[in-house]
Amino acid sequence: MRIGELAEATGVSSRSLRYYEEHGLIRSERTSGGWRDFDPSMVDRVVMIQHLFAAGLGSSTIDQVLPCLDATPEERNGEMERLFAEQAERLAAKQRDIERERETLQALRRETALPRATP
């Protein structure tokens, strides 16, 4: 499967696929003409990578998670679960920060509001 076919099958741009390959997230073989040739299994892998990015994981964390996803449940060592828990806590902390900032902004709006004119 060529890169354009993989892009069409996954809805991911060829540029992103080249980025994934450059970072070792997906693999291809090269044809004698130098074209990338992807195994059809890369479709599911690219879809999973998209889900991991959508969950807020970076490419280095995704690189750590993918071997766990490739392993059978019996072969897994808990690393993926630990990484997911760390990411969930990171997002929870970010959410707390955003809520604190929103509350501060609301308080500033109340404190600096123009007085209402009375008729």
Protein backbone atom coordinates (compact mmCIF):
# COMPACT_ATOMS: atom_id res chain seq x y z
CA MET A 1 0.00 0.00 0.00
CA ARG A 2 1.48 3.33 -1.02
CA ILE A 3 1.43 6.39 1.21
CA GLY A 4 -1.44 8.01 -0.70
CA GLU A 5 -3.54 4.89 -0.26
CA LEU A 6 -2.77 4.79 3.45
CA ALA A 7 -3.65 8.47 3.71
CA GLU A 8 -6.97 7.87 1.96
CA ALA A 9 -7.77 4.79 4.06
CA THR A 10 -7.11 6.60 7.34
CA GLY A 11 -8.02 10.21 6.59
CA VAL A 12 -4.52 11.24 7.69
CA SER A 13 -2.38 13.42 5.43
CA SER A 14 0.67 12.00 3.70
CA ARG A 15 2.72 14.63 5.50
CA SER A 16 1.53 13.32 8.88
CA LEU A 17 2.25 9.76 7.80
CA ARG A 18 5.81 10.74 6.88
CA TYR A 19 6.12 12.36 10.34
CA TYR A 20 4.85 9.15 11.99
CA GLU A 21 7.36 7.12 10.02
CA GLU A 22 10.20 9.53 10.81
CA HIS A 23 9.42 9.11 14.52
CA GLY A 24 9.19 5.31 14.28
CA LEU A 25 5.46 5.12 14.92
CA ILE A 26 4.77 3.34 11.63
CA ARG A 27 6.98 1.34 9.27
CA SER A 28 7.24 0.84 5.56
CA GLU A 29 9.42 -1.03 3.14
CA ARG A 30 10.91 0.65 0.08
CA THR A 31 10.19 -0.62 -3.39
CA SER A 32 12.97 -0.91 -5.93
CA GLY A 33 11.78 2.45 -7.25
CA GLY A 34 12.15 4.02 -3.81
CA TRP A 35 8.41 4.26 -3.06
CA ARG A 36 7.12 3.60 0.44
CA ASP A 37 5.16 0.36 0.70
CA PHE A 38 3.03 0.04 3.83
CA ASP A 39 1.57 -3.19 5.13
CA PRO A 40 -2.24 -3.05 5.33
CA SER A 41 -1.97 -3.50 9.12
CA MET A 42 -0.68 0.08 9.26
CA VAL A 43 -4.26 1.29 8.69
CA ASP A 44 -5.32 0.13 12.16
CA ARG A 45 -2.06 1.41 13.65
CA VAL A 46 -2.53 4.89 12.16
CA VAL A 47 -6.11 5.01 13.44
CA MET A 48 -4.84 4.08 16.92
CA ILE A 49 -2.13 6.75 16.70
CA GLN A 50 -4.81 9.30 15.85
CA HIS A 51 -6.80 8.26 18.93
CA LEU A 52 -3.71 8.57 21.10
CA PHE A 53 -2.97 12.04 19.74
CA ALA A 54 -6.62 13.01 20.30
CA ALA A 55 -6.22 11.88 23.93
CA GLY A 56 -3.47 14.46 24.32
CA LEU A 57 -0.47 12.15 24.17
CA GLY A 58 2.70 13.33 22.46
CA SER A 59 4.65 11.33 19.91
CA SER A 60 7.29 10.23 22.43
CA THR A 61 4.61 8.85 24.78
CA ILE A 62 2.84 7.21 21.84
CA ASP A 63 6.14 5.59 20.92
CA GLN A 64 6.23 4.07 24.41
CA VAL A 65 2.59 2.92 24.29
CA LEU A 66 2.56 1.26 20.87
CA PRO A 67 4.67 -1.77 21.85
CA CYS A 68 2.25 -2.38 24.73
CA LEU A 69 -0.68 -2.28 22.32
CA ASP A 70 1.12 -4.71 20.02
CA ALA A 71 1.67 -7.15 22.91
CA THR A 72 -0.89 -9.69 24.03
CA PRO A 73 -2.53 -8.92 27.39
CA GLU A 74 -0.39 -11.64 28.98
CA GLU A 75 2.80 -9.96 27.71
CA ARG A 76 1.92 -6.48 28.97
CA ASN A 77 3.84 -5.20 31.95
CA GLY A 78 1.62 -2.35 33.15
CA GLU A 79 3.67 0.36 31.43
CA MET A 80 0.78 1.46 29.22
CA GLU A 81 -1.59 1.70 32.17
CA ARG A 82 0.99 3.76 34.08
CA LEU A 83 1.46 6.12 31.14
CA PHE A 84 -2.30 6.51 30.70
CA ALA A 85 -2.72 7.23 34.41
CA GLU A 86 0.04 9.87 34.25
CA GLN A 87 -1.60 11.50 31.25
CA ALA A 88 -5.02 11.46 32.95
CA GLU A 89 -3.51 13.20 35.99
CA ARG A 90 -1.77 15.72 33.75
CA LEU A 91 -5.09 16.55 32.11
CA ALA A 92 -6.85 16.76 35.48
CA ALA A 93 -4.20 19.21 36.71
CA LYS A 94 -4.59 21.23 33.53
CA GLN A 95 -8.36 21.27 34.05
CA ARG A 96 -7.91 22.50 37.64
CA ASP A 97 -5.59 25.25 36.40
CA ILE A 98 -8.10 26.33 33.76
CA GLU A 99 -10.93 26.39 36.31
CA ARG A 100 -8.82 28.47 38.72
CA GLU A 101 -7.97 30.91 35.92
CA ARG A 102 -11.64 31.13 34.90
CA GLU A 103 -12.72 31.84 38.49
CA THR A 104 -10.03 34.52 38.82
CA LEU A 105 -11.13 36.13 35.59
CA GLN A 106 -14.77 36.10 36.70
CA ALA A 107 -13.78 37.75 40.00
CA LEU A 108 -11.82 40.42 38.12
CA ARG A 109 -14.81 41.08 35.89
CA ARG A 110 -17.03 41.58 38.94
CA GLU A 111 -14.48 43.82 40.68
CA THR A 112 -13.87 46.02 37.65
CA ALA A 113 -17.40 46.17 36.27
CA LEU A 114 -18.68 49.61 35.42
CA PRO A 115 -21.45 50.82 37.68
CA ARG A 116 -24.86 50.50 36.15
CA ALA A 117 -26.59 53.75 35.36
CA THR A 118 -29.87 54.28 37.16
CA PRO A 119 -32.74 55.71 35.14
